[in-house]
Amino acid sequence: MRTGPANPIRSQAYELGGTMLFLAAVVILAALAFQYIGGYQPCPLCYQQRYAYYVGVPALFAALVVLSADQRRTAAIVFLLVSLAFLANSGLGVYQAGAEYGFWPGPAACSGGQEISTSADGLIGAIENTNVVRCDKPEWWFLGLSFAGWNALLSFAIFIGSLKAAFASPDRR
């Protein structure tokens, strides 16, 4: 005998998962809009911070589908995996934001400290083909936070919501 809600779509896990799916989709669409419409070029760390969204959005959708098929434990596992991905992404956002604030150095690969050939041809070729977008110099600020800072906060919110959905998914027997 099941003591949980009769309809999994009306469950707290489904509501939380749907909200996190919506939030994650809005965040990645906003990042793409800033890039392709606003002209802000992402750095290598910015691209890495998008991976959680590229995996998380379809995974959250899949978790909702599985939950609606009343496969609560499977949905809980997917929600848990998504939450871990966004926790790691939040950490990556904190790392980049800390580098932007000067708390620690950013990665050498995106701080302009790359080594280039010392030959004249190598130097000219490197200059012509290099477009370094620095990870430690933010292009945009809003309410005192850069893209990385906002990503850290929003990823942490998605982590919390997905984790709550994971624990709300299984039947309470």
N, C-alpha and C. Protein backbone atom coordinates (compact mmCIF):
# COMPACT_ATOMS: atom_id res chain seq x y z
N MET A 1 0.84 -1.18 0.00
CA MET A 1 0.00 0.00 0.00
C MET A 1 0.88 1.24 0.00
N ARG A 2 0.60 2.14 -0.90
CA ARG A 2 1.39 3.35 -1.05
C ARG A 2 0.78 4.46 -0.20
N THR A 3 1.66 5.17 0.52
CA THR A 3 1.18 6.26 1.36
C THR A 3 1.51 7.62 0.77
N GLY A 4 2.27 7.65 -0.33
CA GLY A 4 2.64 8.91 -0.97
C GLY A 4 1.47 9.47 -1.76
N PRO A 5 1.70 10.56 -2.46
CA PRO A 5 0.62 11.14 -3.26
C PRO A 5 0.20 10.19 -4.38
N ALA A 6 -1.08 10.18 -4.68
CA ALA A 6 -1.60 9.28 -5.70
C ALA A 6 -1.08 9.66 -7.08
N ASN A 7 -0.89 10.92 -7.33
CA ASN A 7 -0.44 11.39 -8.63
C ASN A 7 0.96 11.98 -8.47
N PRO A 8 2.00 11.33 -9.05
CA PRO A 8 3.36 11.85 -8.87
C PRO A 8 3.57 13.25 -9.44
N ILE A 9 2.74 13.65 -10.41
CA ILE A 9 2.89 14.98 -11.00
C ILE A 9 2.50 16.07 -10.00
N ARG A 10 1.71 15.73 -9.02
CA ARG A 10 1.32 16.69 -7.99
C ARG A 10 2.23 16.63 -6.76
N SER A 11 3.31 15.91 -6.86
CA SER A 11 4.20 15.74 -5.72
C SER A 11 5.13 16.94 -5.56
N GLN A 12 5.69 17.06 -4.37
CA GLN A 12 6.66 18.13 -4.09
C GLN A 12 7.90 17.94 -4.96
N ALA A 13 8.31 16.70 -5.17
CA ALA A 13 9.50 16.42 -5.99
C ALA A 13 9.29 16.92 -7.41
N TYR A 14 8.11 16.71 -7.96
CA TYR A 14 7.82 17.15 -9.33
C TYR A 14 7.83 18.67 -9.41
N GLU A 15 7.24 19.33 -8.43
CA GLU A 15 7.22 20.80 -8.41
C GLU A 15 8.64 21.36 -8.29
N LEU A 16 9.42 20.80 -7.38
CA LEU A 16 10.81 21.25 -7.22
C LEU A 16 11.62 20.98 -8.48
N GLY A 17 11.49 19.79 -9.04
CA GLY A 17 12.22 19.44 -10.25
C GLY A 17 11.85 20.34 -11.42
N GLY A 18 10.56 20.62 -11.55
CA GLY A 18 10.11 21.51 -12.62
C GLY A 18 10.64 22.92 -12.45
N THR A 19 10.66 23.39 -11.22
CA THR A 19 11.19 24.72 -10.94
C THR A 19 12.69 24.78 -11.25
N MET A 20 13.42 23.74 -10.86
CA MET A 20 14.86 23.71 -11.14
C MET A 20 15.14 23.60 -12.64
N LEU A 21 14.31 22.84 -13.35
CA LEU A 21 14.45 22.76 -14.81
C LEU A 21 14.23 24.13 -15.43
N PHE A 22 13.21 24.82 -15.00
CA PHE A 22 12.92 26.16 -15.53
C PHE A 22 14.08 27.10 -15.21
N LEU A 23 14.56 27.09 -13.98
CA LEU A 23 15.66 27.98 -13.58
C LEU A 23 16.92 27.69 -14.38
N ALA A 24 17.27 26.42 -14.51
CA ALA A 24 18.48 26.05 -15.26
C ALA A 24 18.36 26.46 -16.73
N ALA A 25 17.18 26.25 -17.31
CA ALA A 25 16.98 26.63 -18.72
C ALA A 25 17.09 28.13 -18.90
N VAL A 26 16.52 28.90 -17.98
CA VAL A 26 16.59 30.36 -18.07
C VAL A 26 18.04 30.83 -17.95
N VAL A 27 18.80 30.23 -17.02
CA VAL A 27 20.19 30.66 -16.82
C VAL A 27 21.02 30.40 -18.07
N ILE A 28 20.92 29.20 -18.65
CA ILE A 28 21.77 28.90 -19.82
C ILE A 28 21.32 29.72 -21.03
N LEU A 29 20.02 29.94 -21.16
CA LEU A 29 19.55 30.78 -22.27
C LEU A 29 20.02 32.22 -22.09
N ALA A 30 20.03 32.71 -20.86
CA ALA A 30 20.54 34.06 -20.60
C ALA A 30 22.03 34.15 -20.93
N ALA A 31 22.79 33.13 -20.56
CA ALA A 31 24.23 33.13 -20.86
C ALA A 31 24.45 33.15 -22.37
N LEU A 32 23.68 32.36 -23.10
CA LEU A 32 23.82 32.34 -24.55
C LEU A 32 23.38 33.67 -25.16
N ALA A 33 22.34 34.28 -24.60
CA ALA A 33 21.89 35.59 -25.09
C ALA A 33 22.94 36.66 -24.85
N PHE A 34 23.56 36.66 -23.67
CA PHE A 34 24.64 37.62 -23.40
C PHE A 34 25.77 37.45 -24.40
N GLN A 35 26.04 36.20 -24.77
CA GLN A 35 27.13 35.94 -25.72
C GLN A 35 26.74 36.34 -27.14
N TYR A 36 25.63 35.81 -27.64
CA TYR A 36 25.30 35.97 -29.06
C TYR A 36 24.54 37.24 -29.38
N ILE A 37 23.82 37.79 -28.43
CA ILE A 37 23.10 39.04 -28.67
C ILE A 37 23.85 40.22 -28.05
N GLY A 38 24.34 40.03 -26.83
CA GLY A 38 25.03 41.11 -26.12
C GLY A 38 26.48 41.29 -26.51
N GLY A 39 27.08 40.28 -27.13
CA GLY A 39 28.46 40.40 -27.58
C GLY A 39 29.52 40.12 -26.52
N TYR A 40 29.13 39.61 -25.35
CA TYR A 40 30.10 39.27 -24.31
C TYR A 40 30.74 37.93 -24.65
N GLN A 41 32.06 37.92 -24.74
CA GLN A 41 32.77 36.70 -25.08
C GLN A 41 33.15 35.93 -23.82
N PRO A 42 32.75 34.66 -23.72
CA PRO A 42 33.07 33.88 -22.53
C PRO A 42 34.53 33.43 -22.52
N CYS A 43 35.06 33.29 -21.33
CA CYS A 43 36.42 32.77 -21.16
C CYS A 43 36.34 31.24 -21.07
N PRO A 44 37.47 30.55 -21.04
CA PRO A 44 37.43 29.09 -20.92
C PRO A 44 36.70 28.59 -19.68
N LEU A 45 36.83 29.27 -18.54
CA LEU A 45 36.10 28.85 -17.35
C LEU A 45 34.59 29.06 -17.50
N CYS A 46 34.21 30.09 -18.22
CA CYS A 46 32.79 30.33 -18.48
C CYS A 46 32.20 29.17 -19.28
N TYR A 47 32.94 28.73 -20.29
CA TYR A 47 32.47 27.59 -21.07
C TYR A 47 32.35 26.34 -20.20
N GLN A 48 33.31 26.13 -19.31
CA GLN A 48 33.25 24.95 -18.42
C GLN A 48 32.05 25.03 -17.49
N GLN A 49 31.68 26.22 -17.08
CA GLN A 49 30.53 26.36 -16.18
C GLN A 49 29.21 26.08 -16.89
N ARG A 50 29.22 26.06 -18.19
CA ARG A 50 28.00 25.73 -18.93
C ARG A 50 27.73 24.23 -19.00
N TYR A 51 28.75 23.42 -18.78
CA TYR A 51 28.57 21.96 -18.89
C TYR A 51 27.47 21.44 -17.98
N ALA A 52 27.39 21.95 -16.75
CA ALA A 52 26.36 21.48 -15.83
C ALA A 52 24.96 21.77 -16.38
N TYR A 53 24.82 22.88 -17.06
CA TYR A 53 23.52 23.22 -17.65
C TYR A 53 23.22 22.35 -18.86
N TYR A 54 24.24 22.12 -19.69
CA TYR A 54 24.03 21.30 -20.88
C TYR A 54 23.64 19.87 -20.52
N VAL A 55 24.15 19.37 -19.41
CA VAL A 55 23.79 18.04 -18.94
C VAL A 55 22.57 18.10 -18.03
N GLY A 56 22.51 19.13 -17.18
CA GLY A 56 21.47 19.22 -16.18
C GLY A 56 20.08 19.45 -16.73
N VAL A 57 19.93 20.28 -17.75
CA VAL A 57 18.61 20.57 -18.29
C VAL A 57 17.95 19.30 -18.84
N PRO A 58 18.62 18.54 -19.72
CA PRO A 58 17.97 17.31 -20.19
C PRO A 58 17.80 16.27 -19.07
N ALA A 59 18.74 16.23 -18.12
CA ALA A 59 18.62 15.27 -17.02
C ALA A 59 17.44 15.61 -16.12
N LEU A 60 17.23 16.89 -15.85
CA LEU A 60 16.07 17.29 -15.06
C LEU A 60 14.77 16.96 -15.79
N PHE A 61 14.75 17.19 -17.09
CA PHE A 61 13.57 16.82 -17.87
C PHE A 61 13.33 15.32 -17.80
N ALA A 62 14.40 14.54 -17.94
CA ALA A 62 14.28 13.08 -17.86
C ALA A 62 13.79 12.65 -16.48
N ALA A 63 14.27 13.30 -15.44
CA ALA A 63 13.83 12.96 -14.08
C ALA A 63 12.34 13.23 -13.92
N LEU A 64 11.85 14.30 -14.51
CA LEU A 64 10.42 14.60 -14.43
C LEU A 64 9.60 13.57 -15.19
N VAL A 65 10.11 13.15 -16.35
CA VAL A 65 9.40 12.12 -17.12
C VAL A 65 9.36 10.81 -16.34
N VAL A 66 10.50 10.44 -15.77
CA VAL A 66 10.58 9.20 -14.99
C VAL A 66 9.68 9.30 -13.76
N LEU A 67 9.66 10.45 -13.13
CA LEU A 67 8.81 10.65 -11.95
C LEU A 67 7.33 10.56 -12.33
N SER A 68 6.97 11.11 -13.48
CA SER A 68 5.57 11.04 -13.91
C SER A 68 5.17 9.61 -14.26
N ALA A 69 6.16 8.76 -14.57
CA ALA A 69 5.89 7.34 -14.81
C ALA A 69 5.91 6.56 -13.49
N ASP A 70 5.95 7.27 -12.38
CA ASP A 70 5.91 6.70 -11.03
C ASP A 70 7.13 5.85 -10.71
N GLN A 71 8.26 6.18 -11.31
CA GLN A 71 9.54 5.53 -10.99
C GLN A 71 10.30 6.47 -10.06
N ARG A 72 9.82 6.55 -8.84
CA ARG A 72 10.29 7.56 -7.90
C ARG A 72 11.75 7.39 -7.51
N ARG A 73 12.18 6.19 -7.29
CA ARG A 73 13.57 5.98 -6.86
C ARG A 73 14.55 6.32 -8.00
N THR A 74 14.19 5.97 -9.21
CA THR A 74 15.04 6.34 -10.35
C THR A 74 15.11 7.85 -10.50
N ALA A 75 13.96 8.50 -10.35
CA ALA A 75 13.94 9.97 -10.42
C ALA A 75 14.80 10.57 -9.31
N ALA A 76 14.74 9.99 -8.12
CA ALA A 76 15.54 10.49 -7.01
C ALA A 76 17.03 10.40 -7.32
N ILE A 77 17.45 9.31 -7.95
CA ILE A 77 18.87 9.16 -8.32
C ILE A 77 19.27 10.21 -9.34
N VAL A 78 18.43 10.45 -10.33
CA VAL A 78 18.74 11.47 -11.35
C VAL A 78 18.80 12.85 -10.70
N PHE A 79 17.83 13.17 -9.85
CA PHE A 79 17.86 14.46 -9.15
C PHE A 79 19.13 14.59 -8.31
N LEU A 80 19.54 13.53 -7.66
CA LEU A 80 20.76 13.56 -6.85
C LEU A 80 21.99 13.81 -7.71
N LEU A 81 22.09 13.14 -8.85
CA LEU A 81 23.22 13.35 -9.74
C LEU A 81 23.26 14.78 -10.28
N VAL A 82 22.09 15.30 -10.62
CA VAL A 82 22.01 16.69 -11.09
C VAL A 82 22.46 17.64 -9.98
N SER A 83 22.01 17.37 -8.76
CA SER A 83 22.40 18.25 -7.66
C SER A 83 23.91 18.25 -7.46
N LEU A 84 24.54 17.10 -7.59
CA LEU A 84 26.00 17.04 -7.44
C LEU A 84 26.71 17.80 -8.56
N ALA A 85 26.18 17.71 -9.77
CA ALA A 85 26.77 18.46 -10.89
C ALA A 85 26.70 19.96 -10.64
N PHE A 86 25.57 20.41 -10.11
CA PHE A 86 25.44 21.85 -9.86
C PHE A 86 26.21 22.30 -8.62
N LEU A 87 26.45 21.41 -7.67
CA LEU A 87 27.32 21.75 -6.55
C LEU A 87 28.75 21.97 -7.05
N ALA A 88 29.21 21.07 -7.91
CA ALA A 88 30.54 21.23 -8.50
C ALA A 88 30.61 22.51 -9.34
N ASN A 89 29.55 22.80 -10.07
CA ASN A 89 29.51 24.00 -10.89
C ASN A 89 29.52 25.26 -10.04
N SER A 90 28.85 25.21 -8.91
CA SER A 90 28.88 26.34 -7.99
C SER A 90 30.30 26.57 -7.48
N GLY A 91 31.00 25.50 -7.19
CA GLY A 91 32.39 25.62 -6.76
C GLY A 91 33.27 26.23 -7.83
N LEU A 92 33.03 25.85 -9.08
CA LEU A 92 33.78 26.42 -10.19
C LEU A 92 33.49 27.92 -10.33
N GLY A 93 32.23 28.30 -10.12
CA GLY A 93 31.87 29.71 -10.15
C GLY A 93 32.53 30.50 -9.02
N VAL A 94 32.60 29.90 -7.83
CA VAL A 94 33.28 30.55 -6.71
C VAL A 94 34.77 30.71 -7.02
N TYR A 95 35.37 29.69 -7.62
CA TYR A 95 36.79 29.76 -8.00
C TYR A 95 37.03 30.94 -8.96
N GLN A 96 36.20 31.05 -10.00
CA GLN A 96 36.41 32.12 -10.96
C GLN A 96 36.10 33.48 -10.33
N ALA A 97 35.05 33.57 -9.55
CA ALA A 97 34.72 34.85 -8.91
C ALA A 97 35.84 35.27 -7.96
N GLY A 98 36.42 34.31 -7.25
CA GLY A 98 37.54 34.63 -6.37
C GLY A 98 38.75 35.14 -7.14
N ALA A 99 38.98 34.57 -8.31
CA ALA A 99 40.08 35.05 -9.16
C ALA A 99 39.77 36.46 -9.66
N GLU A 100 38.50 36.72 -9.97
CA GLU A 100 38.12 38.06 -10.43
C GLU A 100 38.30 39.12 -9.33
N TYR A 101 38.00 38.75 -8.10
CA TYR A 101 38.17 39.66 -6.98
C TYR A 101 39.61 39.75 -6.50
N GLY A 102 40.49 38.90 -7.04
CA GLY A 102 41.89 38.91 -6.67
C GLY A 102 42.22 38.13 -5.41
N PHE A 103 41.29 37.26 -4.97
CA PHE A 103 41.55 36.44 -3.79
C PHE A 103 42.61 35.38 -4.05
N TRP A 104 42.69 34.89 -5.28
CA TRP A 104 43.66 33.89 -5.70
C TRP A 104 43.88 34.03 -7.19
N PRO A 105 44.96 33.49 -7.72
CA PRO A 105 45.20 33.62 -9.16
C PRO A 105 44.26 32.71 -9.95
N GLY A 106 43.89 33.17 -11.12
CA GLY A 106 43.11 32.35 -12.04
C GLY A 106 44.01 31.39 -12.78
N PRO A 107 43.45 30.54 -13.60
CA PRO A 107 44.28 29.61 -14.36
C PRO A 107 45.14 30.35 -15.39
N ALA A 108 46.35 29.88 -15.59
CA ALA A 108 47.28 30.52 -16.53
C ALA A 108 46.76 30.49 -17.96
N ALA A 109 45.96 29.50 -18.29
CA ALA A 109 45.46 29.35 -19.66
C ALA A 109 44.55 30.49 -20.08
N CYS A 110 43.93 31.17 -19.14
CA CYS A 110 43.04 32.25 -19.55
C CYS A 110 43.31 33.54 -18.77
N SER A 111 44.58 33.76 -18.46
CA SER A 111 44.93 35.02 -17.81
C SER A 111 45.98 35.78 -18.60
N GLY A 112 46.17 35.38 -19.84
CA GLY A 112 47.11 36.08 -20.70
C GLY A 112 48.54 35.65 -20.49
N GLY A 113 48.80 34.64 -19.67
CA GLY A 113 50.16 34.23 -19.37
C GLY A 113 50.62 33.05 -20.21
N GLN A 114 50.06 32.87 -21.39
CA GLN A 114 50.45 31.74 -22.23
C GLN A 114 51.79 31.99 -22.90
N GLU A 115 52.56 30.93 -23.02
CA GLU A 115 53.84 31.06 -23.70
C GLU A 115 53.63 30.93 -25.20
N ILE A 116 54.36 31.74 -25.94
CA ILE A 116 54.28 31.68 -27.39
C ILE A 116 55.69 31.53 -27.95
N SER A 117 55.76 31.15 -29.18
CA SER A 117 57.04 30.93 -29.84
C SER A 117 57.84 32.22 -29.88
N THR A 118 59.16 32.09 -29.78
CA THR A 118 60.01 33.28 -29.82
C THR A 118 60.48 33.62 -31.23
N SER A 119 60.20 32.75 -32.21
CA SER A 119 60.58 33.08 -33.58
C SER A 119 59.64 34.16 -34.11
N ALA A 120 60.12 34.93 -35.09
CA ALA A 120 59.32 36.03 -35.64
C ALA A 120 58.03 35.51 -36.27
N ASP A 121 58.12 34.42 -37.05
CA ASP A 121 56.92 33.87 -37.68
C ASP A 121 55.94 33.33 -36.64
N GLY A 122 56.49 32.65 -35.63
CA GLY A 122 55.64 32.11 -34.57
C GLY A 122 54.96 33.19 -33.76
N LEU A 123 55.69 34.26 -33.51
CA LEU A 123 55.15 35.38 -32.74
C LEU A 123 54.05 36.09 -33.51
N ILE A 124 54.28 36.37 -34.76
CA ILE A 124 53.27 37.05 -35.58
C ILE A 124 52.04 36.17 -35.74
N GLY A 125 52.24 34.88 -35.98
CA GLY A 125 51.11 33.96 -36.10
C GLY A 125 50.31 33.86 -34.82
N ALA A 126 51.00 33.83 -33.69
CA ALA A 126 50.32 33.75 -32.40
C ALA A 126 49.52 35.02 -32.13
N ILE A 127 50.07 36.17 -32.48
CA ILE A 127 49.37 37.43 -32.26
C ILE A 127 48.13 37.51 -33.14
N GLU A 128 48.24 37.09 -34.37
CA GLU A 128 47.11 37.16 -35.30
C GLU A 128 45.99 36.19 -34.92
N ASN A 129 46.34 35.06 -34.34
CA ASN A 129 45.35 34.03 -34.06
C ASN A 129 44.93 33.95 -32.60
N THR A 130 45.37 34.88 -31.77
CA THR A 130 45.06 34.81 -30.35
C THR A 130 44.01 35.83 -29.98
N ASN A 131 42.99 35.36 -29.32
CA ASN A 131 41.95 36.21 -28.76
C ASN A 131 41.76 35.74 -27.32
N VAL A 132 42.55 36.27 -26.42
CA VAL A 132 42.52 35.83 -25.02
C VAL A 132 41.41 36.54 -24.29
N VAL A 133 40.45 35.78 -23.79
CA VAL A 133 39.43 36.31 -22.92
C VAL A 133 39.83 35.90 -21.51
N ARG A 134 40.15 36.86 -20.71
CA ARG A 134 40.70 36.58 -19.39
C ARG A 134 39.63 36.09 -18.43
N CYS A 135 39.98 35.09 -17.62
CA CYS A 135 39.09 34.55 -16.61
C CYS A 135 39.11 35.37 -15.33
N ASP A 136 40.13 36.20 -15.17
CA ASP A 136 40.26 36.95 -13.93
C ASP A 136 39.87 38.42 -14.08
N LYS A 137 39.32 38.79 -15.22
CA LYS A 137 38.87 40.16 -15.46
C LYS A 137 37.43 40.11 -15.99
N PRO A 138 36.45 40.33 -15.13
CA PRO A 138 35.06 40.24 -15.58
C PRO A 138 34.68 41.35 -16.54
N GLU A 139 33.83 41.00 -17.51
CA GLU A 139 33.35 41.98 -18.48
C GLU A 139 32.08 42.67 -18.01
N TRP A 140 31.41 42.11 -17.00
CA TRP A 140 30.07 42.57 -16.64
C TRP A 140 29.87 42.40 -15.14
N TRP A 141 29.21 43.37 -14.53
CA TRP A 141 28.87 43.33 -13.11
C TRP A 141 27.41 43.73 -12.95
N PHE A 142 26.72 43.09 -12.02
CA PHE A 142 25.36 43.49 -11.66
C PHE A 142 25.20 43.24 -10.17
N LEU A 143 24.86 44.26 -9.43
CA LEU A 143 24.71 44.20 -7.97
C LEU A 143 25.96 43.63 -7.30
N GLY A 144 27.11 44.00 -7.81
CA GLY A 144 28.37 43.60 -7.22
C GLY A 144 28.86 42.21 -7.58
N LEU A 145 28.14 41.52 -8.45
CA LEU A 145 28.55 40.17 -8.86
C LEU A 145 28.76 40.11 -10.37
N SER A 146 29.75 39.33 -10.76
CA SER A 146 30.03 39.09 -12.18
C SER A 146 29.20 37.90 -12.65
N PHE A 147 29.38 37.55 -13.92
CA PHE A 147 28.72 36.34 -14.44
C PHE A 147 29.06 35.13 -13.57
N ALA A 148 30.33 35.01 -13.20
CA ALA A 148 30.77 33.86 -12.40
C ALA A 148 30.13 33.87 -11.02
N GLY A 149 30.03 35.03 -10.43
CA GLY A 149 29.39 35.13 -9.12
C GLY A 149 27.92 34.76 -9.16
N TRP A 150 27.23 35.27 -10.19
CA TRP A 150 25.81 34.91 -10.35
C TRP A 150 25.66 33.42 -10.63
N ASN A 151 26.58 32.87 -11.44
CA ASN A 151 26.51 31.45 -11.72
C ASN A 151 26.71 30.64 -10.43
N ALA A 152 27.63 31.07 -9.58
CA ALA A 152 27.86 30.35 -8.32
C ALA A 152 26.59 30.33 -7.47
N LEU A 153 25.93 31.48 -7.37
CA LEU A 153 24.69 31.55 -6.57
C LEU A 153 23.56 30.72 -7.19
N LEU A 154 23.36 30.88 -8.49
CA LEU A 154 22.26 30.17 -9.14
C LEU A 154 22.51 28.67 -9.19
N SER A 155 23.75 28.27 -9.42
CA SER A 155 24.08 26.84 -9.39
C SER A 155 23.85 26.25 -8.01
N PHE A 156 24.18 27.03 -6.98
CA PHE A 156 23.94 26.54 -5.61
C PHE A 156 22.45 26.41 -5.34
N ALA A 157 21.66 27.35 -5.85
CA ALA A 157 20.20 27.26 -5.69
C ALA A 157 19.66 26.02 -6.41
N ILE A 158 20.16 25.74 -7.60
CA ILE A 158 19.73 24.54 -8.34
C ILE A 158 20.19 23.28 -7.60
N PHE A 159 21.38 23.32 -7.01
CA PHE A 159 21.85 22.21 -6.19
C PHE A 159 20.87 21.93 -5.05
N ILE A 160 20.50 22.97 -4.31
CA ILE A 160 19.60 22.80 -3.16
C ILE A 160 18.23 22.28 -3.63
N GLY A 161 17.68 22.89 -4.67
CA GLY A 161 16.37 22.46 -5.16
C GLY A 161 16.37 21.04 -5.69
N SER A 162 17.41 20.67 -6.42
CA SER A 162 17.50 19.30 -6.95
C SER A 162 17.71 18.29 -5.83
N LEU A 163 18.47 18.67 -4.83
CA LEU A 163 18.68 17.79 -3.68
C LEU A 163 17.38 17.58 -2.91
N LYS A 164 16.63 18.65 -2.73
CA LYS A 164 15.32 18.52 -2.08
C LYS A 164 14.39 17.63 -2.90
N ALA A 165 14.43 17.79 -4.22
CA ALA A 165 13.60 16.94 -5.09
C ALA A 165 14.02 15.49 -4.97
N ALA A 166 15.32 15.23 -4.84
CA ALA A 166 15.81 13.86 -4.70
C ALA A 166 15.26 13.22 -3.44
N PHE A 167 15.26 13.97 -2.34
CA PHE A 167 14.78 13.41 -1.08
C PHE A 167 13.26 13.38 -0.99
N ALA A 168 12.59 14.18 -1.81
CA ALA A 168 11.12 14.17 -1.81
C ALA A 168 10.56 13.12 -2.77
N SER A 169 11.41 12.57 -3.64
CA SER A 169 10.94 11.64 -4.68
C SER A 169 10.51 10.26 -4.18
N PRO A 170 11.30 9.58 -3.34
CA PRO A 170 10.93 8.21 -3.00
C PRO A 170 9.65 8.11 -2.21
N ASP A 171 9.00 6.96 -2.33
CA ASP A 171 7.80 6.69 -1.51
C ASP A 171 8.18 6.69 -0.05
N ARG A 172 7.32 7.18 0.75
CA ARG A 172 7.50 7.12 2.21
C ARG A 172 6.65 5.97 2.71
N ARG A 173 7.26 4.84 2.90
CA ARG A 173 6.51 3.64 3.34
C ARG A 173 6.71 3.40 4.79
